[in-house]
C-alpha atoms as a PDB file:
ATOM      1  CA  MET A   1      -7.327  42.172  55.914  1.00  0.00           C
ATOM      2  CA  ALA A   2      -9.567  42.395  59.371  1.00  0.00           C
ATOM      3  CA  LEU A   3     -11.614  39.181  59.945  1.00  0.00           C
ATOM      4  CA  PRO A   4     -14.569  38.723  61.824  1.00  0.00           C
ATOM      5  CA  GLU A   5     -13.907  35.883  64.412  1.00  0.00           C
ATOM      6  CA  GLN A   6     -16.069  33.617  63.743  1.00  0.00           C
ATOM      7  CA  MET A   7     -14.641  33.397  59.832  1.00  0.00           C
ATOM      8  CA  PRO A   8     -12.117  31.345  58.698  1.00  0.00           C
ATOM      9  CA  GLY A   9      -8.885  32.255  59.115  1.00  0.00           C
ATOM     10  CA  SER A  10      -9.236  34.354  62.399  1.00  0.00           C
ATOM     11  CA  PRO A  11      -6.610  33.035  65.300  1.00  0.00           C
ATOM     12  CA  THR A  12      -9.661  31.740  68.309  1.00  0.00           C
ATOM     13  CA  ALA A  13      -8.237  30.890  71.688  1.00  0.00           C
ATOM     14  CA  GLY A  14      -8.880  27.690  72.863  1.00  0.00           C
ATOM     15  CA  LYS A  15      -9.230  25.930  69.962  1.00  0.00           C
ATOM     16  CA  GLY A  16      -6.625  23.240  70.541  1.00  0.00           C
ATOM     17  CA  VAL A  17      -2.952  23.498  69.876  1.00  0.00           C
ATOM     18  CA  SER A  18      -3.045  23.386  66.374  1.00  0.00           C
ATOM     19  CA  GLY A  19      -5.496  26.528  65.835  1.00  0.00           C
ATOM     20  CA  CYS A  20      -7.247  24.448  62.882  1.00  0.00           C
ATOM     21  CA  ARG A  21     -10.998  24.680  62.979  1.00  0.00           C
ATOM     22  CA  LEU A  22     -13.988  22.645  60.881  1.00  0.00           C
ATOM     23  CA  TYR A  23     -15.577  23.918  58.059  1.00  0.00           C
ATOM     24  CA  LEU A  24     -18.607  22.088  57.048  1.00  0.00           C
ATOM     25  CA  VAL A  25     -20.079  22.064  53.336  1.00  0.00           C
ATOM     26  CA  ALA A  26     -23.711  21.521  52.936  1.00  0.00           C
ATOM     27  CA  PRO A  27     -25.274  19.035  50.858  1.00  0.00           C
ATOM     28  CA  ASP A  28     -25.988  20.010  47.048  1.00  0.00           C
ATOM     29  CA  PRO A  29     -29.368  20.348  46.578  1.00  0.00           C
ATOM     30  CA  LEU A  30     -29.863  20.403  49.998  1.00  0.00           C
ATOM     31  CA  PRO A  31     -32.544  18.227  51.467  1.00  0.00           C
ATOM     32  CA  ASP A  32     -35.931  19.613  52.552  1.00  0.00           C
ATOM     33  CA  ASP A  33     -35.126  18.530  56.019  1.00  0.00           C
ATOM     34  CA  PHE A  34     -31.838  19.699  56.278  1.00  0.00           C
ATOM     35  CA  GLY A  35     -32.638  21.835  59.638  1.00  0.00           C
ATOM     36  CA  PRO A  36     -32.347  19.776  62.494  1.00  0.00           C
ATOM     37  CA  SER A  37     -29.042  17.979  60.654  1.00  0.00           C
ATOM     38  CA  LEU A  38     -27.599  21.482  60.829  1.00  0.00           C
ATOM     39  CA  HIS A  39     -28.421  22.610  64.096  1.00  0.00           C
ATOM     40  CA  ALA A  40     -27.206  19.231  65.371  1.00  0.00           C
ATOM     41  CA  ALA A  41     -23.600  19.739  63.657  1.00  0.00           C
ATOM     42  CA  LEU A  42     -23.134  23.226  64.414  1.00  0.00           C
ATOM     43  CA  ALA A  43     -24.056  22.302  68.111  1.00  0.00           C
ATOM     44  CA  ALA A  44     -21.498  19.532  68.227  1.00  0.00           C
ATOM     45  CA  ALA A  45     -18.456  21.528  68.255  1.00  0.00           C
ATOM     46  CA  ASP A  46     -16.335  24.685  66.989  1.00  0.00           C
ATOM     47  CA  ILE A  47     -17.347  25.317  63.660  1.00  0.00           C
ATOM     48  CA  ALA A  48     -15.806  28.011  61.830  1.00  0.00           C
ATOM     49  CA  ALA A  49     -17.992  28.348  58.386  1.00  0.00           C
ATOM     50  CA  LEU A  50     -20.588  26.495  56.412  1.00  0.00           C
ATOM     51  CA  ARG A  51     -20.516  26.446  52.623  1.00  0.00           C
ATOM     52  CA  LEU A  52     -23.442  26.380  50.676  1.00  0.00           C
ATOM     53  CA  THR A  53     -23.956  25.930  46.808  1.00  0.00           C
ATOM     54  CA  THR A  54     -26.423  27.411  45.604  1.00  0.00           C
ATOM     55  CA  SER A  55     -27.450  30.665  43.457  1.00  0.00           C
ATOM     56  CA  ASP A  56     -31.170  31.007  44.777  1.00  0.00           C
ATOM     57  CA  ARG A  57     -31.801  33.807  47.280  1.00  0.00           C
ATOM     58  CA  ALA A  58     -34.717  31.333  49.126  1.00  0.00           C
ATOM     59  CA  VAL A  59     -32.629  28.807  50.191  1.00  0.00           C
ATOM     60  CA  VAL A  60     -29.749  31.299  51.702  1.00  0.00           C
ATOM     61  CA  ALA A  61     -32.984  32.656  53.775  1.00  0.00           C
ATOM     62  CA  ARG A  62     -33.318  28.896  54.971  1.00  0.00           C
ATOM     63  CA  VAL A  63     -30.071  28.313  56.092  1.00  0.00           C
ATOM     64  CA  MET A  64     -28.408  32.008  57.706  1.00  0.00           C
ATOM     65  CA  PRO A  65     -30.786  32.388  60.310  1.00  0.00           C
ATOM     66  CA  ILE A  66     -29.520  28.803  61.617  1.00  0.00           C
ATOM     67  CA  THR A  67     -25.988  29.980  60.935  1.00  0.00           C
ATOM     68  CA  ARG A  68     -26.436  33.501  62.547  1.00  0.00           C
ATOM     69  CA  GLU A  69     -27.757  31.392  65.672  1.00  0.00           C
ATOM     70  CA  HIS A  70     -24.435  29.198  66.117  1.00  0.00           C
ATOM     71  CA  GLY A  71     -22.404  32.588  65.311  1.00  0.00           C
ATOM     72  CA  VAL A  72     -21.149  30.592  62.175  1.00  0.00           C
ATOM     73  CA  ALA A  73     -19.950  32.210  58.889  1.00  0.00           C
ATOM     74  CA  LEU A  74     -22.322  31.261  55.894  1.00  0.00           C
ATOM     75  CA  ILE A  75     -19.934  31.290  53.054  1.00  0.00           C
ATOM     76  CA  LEU A  76     -21.803  30.771  49.491  1.00  0.00           C
ATOM     77  CA  ASN A  77     -20.486  28.999  46.967  1.00  0.00           C
ATOM     78  CA  GLY A  78     -22.179  30.990  44.052  1.00  0.00           C
ATOM     79  CA  PRO A  79     -21.868  34.279  42.563  1.00  0.00           C
ATOM     80  CA  PRO A  80     -19.930  36.958  44.733  1.00  0.00           C
ATOM     81  CA  THR A  81     -22.485  38.982  43.881  1.00  0.00           C
ATOM     82  CA  LEU A  82     -25.605  37.072  45.398  1.00  0.00           C
ATOM     83  CA  ALA A  83     -23.213  36.318  48.456  1.00  0.00           C
ATOM     84  CA  ALA A  84     -22.862  39.937  48.969  1.00  0.00           C
ATOM     85  CA  SER A  85     -26.102  40.889  48.259  1.00  0.00           C
ATOM     86  CA  THR A  86     -28.148  38.210  50.837  1.00  0.00           C
ATOM     87  CA  GLY A  87     -25.788  38.799  53.647  1.00  0.00           C
ATOM     88  CA  CYS A  88     -23.553  35.902  53.113  1.00  0.00           C
ATOM     89  CA  ASP A  89     -20.073  36.647  55.236  1.00  0.00           C
ATOM     90  CA  GLY A  90     -18.612  35.612  52.211  1.00  0.00           C
ATOM     91  CA  ALA A  91     -18.129  33.385  48.581  1.00  0.00           C
ATOM     92  CA  HIS A  92     -16.211  30.710  47.597  1.00  0.00           C
ATOM     93  CA  ILE A  93     -15.258  30.306  44.318  1.00  0.00           C
ATOM     94  CA  GLY A  94     -13.564  27.526  41.912  1.00  0.00           C
ATOM     95  CA  ASP A  95     -11.134  29.282  39.257  1.00  0.00           C
ATOM     96  CA  PRO A  96      -8.286  31.243  40.727  1.00  0.00           C
ATOM     97  CA  ASP A  97      -8.631  33.133  37.300  1.00  0.00           C
ATOM     98  CA  ASP A  98     -12.204  34.667  38.673  1.00  0.00           C
ATOM     99  CA  ALA A  99     -10.355  35.804  42.196  1.00  0.00           C
ATOM    100  CA  ALA A 100      -9.666  39.755  41.310  1.00  0.00           C
ATOM    101  CA  ALA A 101     -13.631  39.939  39.902  1.00  0.00           C
ATOM    102  CA  ALA A 102     -14.494  38.234  42.954  1.00  0.00           C
ATOM    103  CA  ARG A 103     -12.456  40.248  45.376  1.00  0.00           C
ATOM    104  CA  ARG A 104     -13.995  43.427  43.992  1.00  0.00           C
ATOM    105  CA  ALA A 105     -17.495  42.046  43.634  1.00  0.00           C
ATOM    106  CA  LEU A 106     -16.782  41.254  47.400  1.00  0.00           C
ATOM    107  CA  GLY A 107     -15.312  44.046  48.829  1.00  0.00           C
ATOM    108  CA  ASP A 108     -14.256  43.525  52.439  1.00  0.00           C
ATOM    109  CA  LEU A 109     -16.366  39.927  52.974  1.00  0.00           C
ATOM    110  CA  GLN A 110     -14.007  36.571  52.543  1.00  0.00           C
ATOM    111  CA  LEU A 111     -13.170  35.253  49.644  1.00  0.00           C
ATOM    112  CA  GLY A 112     -12.355  31.221  49.130  1.00  0.00           C
ATOM    113  CA  VAL A 113     -10.736  29.997  46.131  1.00  0.00           C
ATOM    114  CA  PHE A 114     -10.781  26.145  45.598  1.00  0.00           C
ATOM    115  CA  CYS A 115      -7.397  25.232  43.962  1.00  0.00           C
ATOM    116  CA  ALA A 116      -6.904  21.518  43.731  1.00  0.00           C
ATOM    117  CA  ASN A 117      -3.826  20.533  43.905  1.00  0.00           C
ATOM    118  CA  SER A 118      -2.160  23.076  42.219  1.00  0.00           C
ATOM    119  CA  ARG A 119       0.528  25.035  44.107  1.00  0.00           C
ATOM    120  CA  ASP A 120       0.610  27.690  40.707  1.00  0.00           C
ATOM    121  CA  ALA A 121      -2.945  28.135  41.469  1.00  0.00           C
ATOM    122  CA  ALA A 122      -2.939  29.253  44.976  1.00  0.00           C
ATOM    123  CA  MET A 123      -0.278  31.248  44.592  1.00  0.00           C
ATOM    124  CA  ARG A 124      -2.677  32.944  41.727  1.00  0.00           C
ATOM    125  CA  ALA A 125      -5.875  33.458  44.085  1.00  0.00           C
ATOM    126  CA  GLY A 126      -3.331  34.574  46.630  1.00  0.00           C
ATOM    127  CA  GLU A 127      -2.054  36.896  44.685  1.00  0.00           C
ATOM    128  CA  ALA A 128      -5.496  38.267  43.807  1.00  0.00           C
ATOM    129  CA  GLY A 129      -6.653  39.084  47.333  1.00  0.00           C
ATOM    130  CA  ALA A 130      -7.923  35.429  48.160  1.00  0.00           C
ATOM    131  CA  ASP A 131      -8.558  35.177  52.084  1.00  0.00           C
ATOM    132  CA  TYR A 132      -8.129  32.071  52.431  1.00  0.00           C
ATOM    133  CA  VAL A 133      -7.128  28.920  49.357  1.00  0.00           C
ATOM    134  CA  SER A 134      -8.145  25.311  49.419  1.00  0.00           C
ATOM    135  CA  PHE A 135      -6.825  22.099  48.427  1.00  0.00           C
ATOM    136  CA  GLY A 136      -8.041  18.736  47.735  1.00  0.00           C
ATOM    137  CA  PRO A 137     -10.284  16.444  48.062  1.00  0.00           C
ATOM    138  CA  LEU A 138      -7.102  15.315  50.004  1.00  0.00           C
ATOM    139  CA  MET A 139      -5.942  12.298  51.627  1.00  0.00           C
ATOM    140  CA  PRO A 140      -2.722  11.583  53.123  1.00  0.00           C
ATOM    141  CA  ASP A 141      -2.253   7.967  51.695  1.00  0.00           C
ATOM    142  CA  ALA A 142      -3.397   9.342  48.140  1.00  0.00           C
ATOM    143  CA  GLY A 143       0.224  10.858  47.250  1.00  0.00           C
ATOM    144  CA  GLY A 144       1.448  14.234  48.449  1.00  0.00           C
ATOM    145  CA  ALA A 145      -1.536  16.057  50.144  1.00  0.00           C
ATOM    146  CA  THR A 146       0.226  16.309  53.355  1.00  0.00           C
ATOM    147  CA  ASP A 147       3.052  17.864  51.317  1.00  0.00           C
ATOM    148  CA  LEU A 148       1.298  20.238  49.700  1.00  0.00           C
ATOM    149  CA  ILE A 149      -0.146  22.049  52.706  1.00  0.00           C
ATOM    150  CA  SER A 150       3.033  21.752  54.896  1.00  0.00           C
ATOM    151  CA  TRP A 151       4.721  23.711  51.615  1.00  0.00           C
ATOM    152  CA  TRP A 152       1.358  25.918  51.838  1.00  0.00           C
ATOM    153  CA  ALA A 153       1.700  27.111  55.405  1.00  0.00           C
ATOM    154  CA  ASP A 154       5.738  27.144  55.296  1.00  0.00           C
ATOM    155  CA  ILE A 155       5.440  29.923  52.741  1.00  0.00           C
ATOM    156  CA  MET A 156       2.467  31.706  52.888  1.00  0.00           C
ATOM    157  CA  GLU A 157       0.238  33.733  55.617  1.00  0.00           C
ATOM    158  CA  VAL A 158      -2.701  33.251  53.575  1.00  0.00           C
ATOM    159  CA  PRO A 159      -5.209  30.159  55.466  1.00  0.00           C
ATOM    160  CA  ALA A 160      -4.906  27.127  54.056  1.00  0.00           C
ATOM    161  CA  VAL A 161      -8.215  24.596  54.133  1.00  0.00           C
ATOM    162  CA  ALA A 162      -8.140  21.035  53.568  1.00  0.00           C
ATOM    163  CA  GLU A 163     -10.766  19.020  51.612  1.00  0.00           C
ATOM    164  CA  CYS A 164     -11.184  16.017  53.312  1.00  0.00           C
ATOM    165  CA  ALA A 165     -13.118  13.563  51.555  1.00  0.00           C
ATOM    166  CA  THR A 166     -13.703  11.057  54.513  1.00  0.00           C
ATOM    167  CA  LEU A 167     -13.192  11.338  58.445  1.00  0.00           C
ATOM    168  CA  GLY A 168     -10.369   9.340  60.051  1.00  0.00           C
ATOM    169  CA  LEU A 169      -6.906   9.250  61.123  1.00  0.00           C
ATOM    170  CA  GLU A 170      -6.416  11.440  57.547  1.00  0.00           C
ATOM    171  CA  CYS A 171      -7.618  14.144  59.336  1.00  0.00           C
ATOM    172  CA  ALA A 172      -5.404  14.736  62.225  1.00  0.00           C
ATOM    173  CA  ALA A 173      -2.423  14.059  59.503  1.00  0.00           C
ATOM    174  CA  LEU A 174      -3.387  16.978  58.023  1.00  0.00           C
ATOM    175  CA  VAL A 175      -3.728  19.193  60.729  1.00  0.00           C
ATOM    176  CA  ARG A 176      -0.629  18.033  61.436  1.00  0.00           C
ATOM    177  CA  ALA A 177       0.611  19.346  58.100  1.00  0.00           C
ATOM    178  CA  GLY A 178      -0.459  23.356  58.420  1.00  0.00           C
ATOM    179  CA  ALA A 179      -4.094  22.840  57.766  1.00  0.00           C
ATOM    180  CA  ASP A 180      -5.812  25.966  59.095  1.00  0.00           C
ATOM    181  CA  PHE A 181      -9.102  24.143  58.434  1.00  0.00           C
ATOM    182  CA  LEU A 182     -10.778  21.139  57.630  1.00  0.00           C
ATOM    183  CA  ALA A 183     -13.492  21.358  55.000  1.00  0.00           C
ATOM    184  CA  VAL A 184     -16.038  18.475  55.131  1.00  0.00           C
ATOM    185  CA  GLY A 185     -19.243  17.568  53.395  1.00  0.00           C
ATOM    186  CA  ASP A 186     -20.962  14.053  52.779  1.00  0.00           C
ATOM    187  CA  ALA A 187     -18.917  12.234  55.167  1.00  0.00           C
ATOM    188  CA  VAL A 188     -20.842  14.460  57.871  1.00  0.00           C
ATOM    189  CA  TRP A 189     -24.148  14.391  56.551  1.00  0.00           C
ATOM    190  CA  ASP A 190     -23.830  10.444  55.522  1.00  0.00           C
ATOM    191  CA  ASP A 191     -22.263   9.321  58.325  1.00  0.00           C
ATOM    192  CA  PRO A 192     -24.937   6.563  59.971  1.00  0.00           C
ATOM    193  CA  ARG A 193     -23.918   7.729  63.852  1.00  0.00           C
ATOM    194  CA  GLY A 194     -25.552  11.355  62.600  1.00  0.00           C
ATOM    195  CA  PRO A 195     -23.535  14.539  61.822  1.00  0.00           C
ATOM    196  CA  GLU A 196     -23.355  15.104  65.155  1.00  0.00           C
ATOM    197  CA  ALA A 197     -21.120  12.445  66.180  1.00  0.00           C
ATOM    198  CA  ALA A 198     -19.233  13.135  62.904  1.00  0.00           C
ATOM    199  CA  VAL A 199     -18.505  16.712  63.835  1.00  0.00           C
ATOM    200  CA  ARG A 200     -17.418  15.365  67.381  1.00  0.00           C
ATOM    201  CA  ALA A 201     -15.482  12.785  65.850  1.00  0.00           C
ATOM    202  CA  LEU A 202     -13.264  15.310  63.614  1.00  0.00           C
ATOM    203  CA  GLN A 203     -13.046  17.988  66.418  1.00  0.00           C
ATOM    204  CA  ALA A 204     -11.718  15.134  68.617  1.00  0.00           C
ATOM    205  CA  ALA A 205      -8.763  14.635  65.507  1.00  0.00           C
ATOM    206  CA  ILE A 206      -8.093  18.105  65.794  1.00  0.00           C
ATOM    207  CA  GLU A 207      -7.486  18.328  69.300  1.00  0.00           C
ATOM    208  CA  SER A 208      -5.673  15.194  69.090  1.00  0.00           C
ATOM    209  CA  VAL A 209      -2.777  16.870  67.516  1.00  0.00           C
END
């Protein structure tokens, strides 16, 4: 499948030696005053996508103009049919067994599948047409995270998203292991320095590899 340039999985020049990019995860539920924080985060570094958890069209309509302004893909963590009908760039699902149906519903839009720490689930998702698989939440000191990412990167071309629980040195380790994207949520929005500083720290970790 040919991928739009801003979407997860697309090669983009000038993003560091690793080619890894950031994939932000919006808070759930979405705060009423989220707009300024989102603008600041998306402007701070190279962001590939934002994942939004909702089944409400009005929430999608609130967020989409901001992601469009920054050239960031909007991936809906919700019904694939809703993602398609609201103009999202794709959908993220949590069950690999639903991947084939989601693929049909999305057509050429992006399909991401959360696979926890399961190699079998990731293989099934890839076979069903996932555009990326996500593993996590991952921390290298919590047992085998880097091995899992390295294994996938060695055998598959489907991009791997590392769902990072925190900011810090573990992010660089996941990049070195072969993660194509770092997905980070609350650690960005709850950072006492603000989301802009948190995103810049993550981008620095990527560029350090």
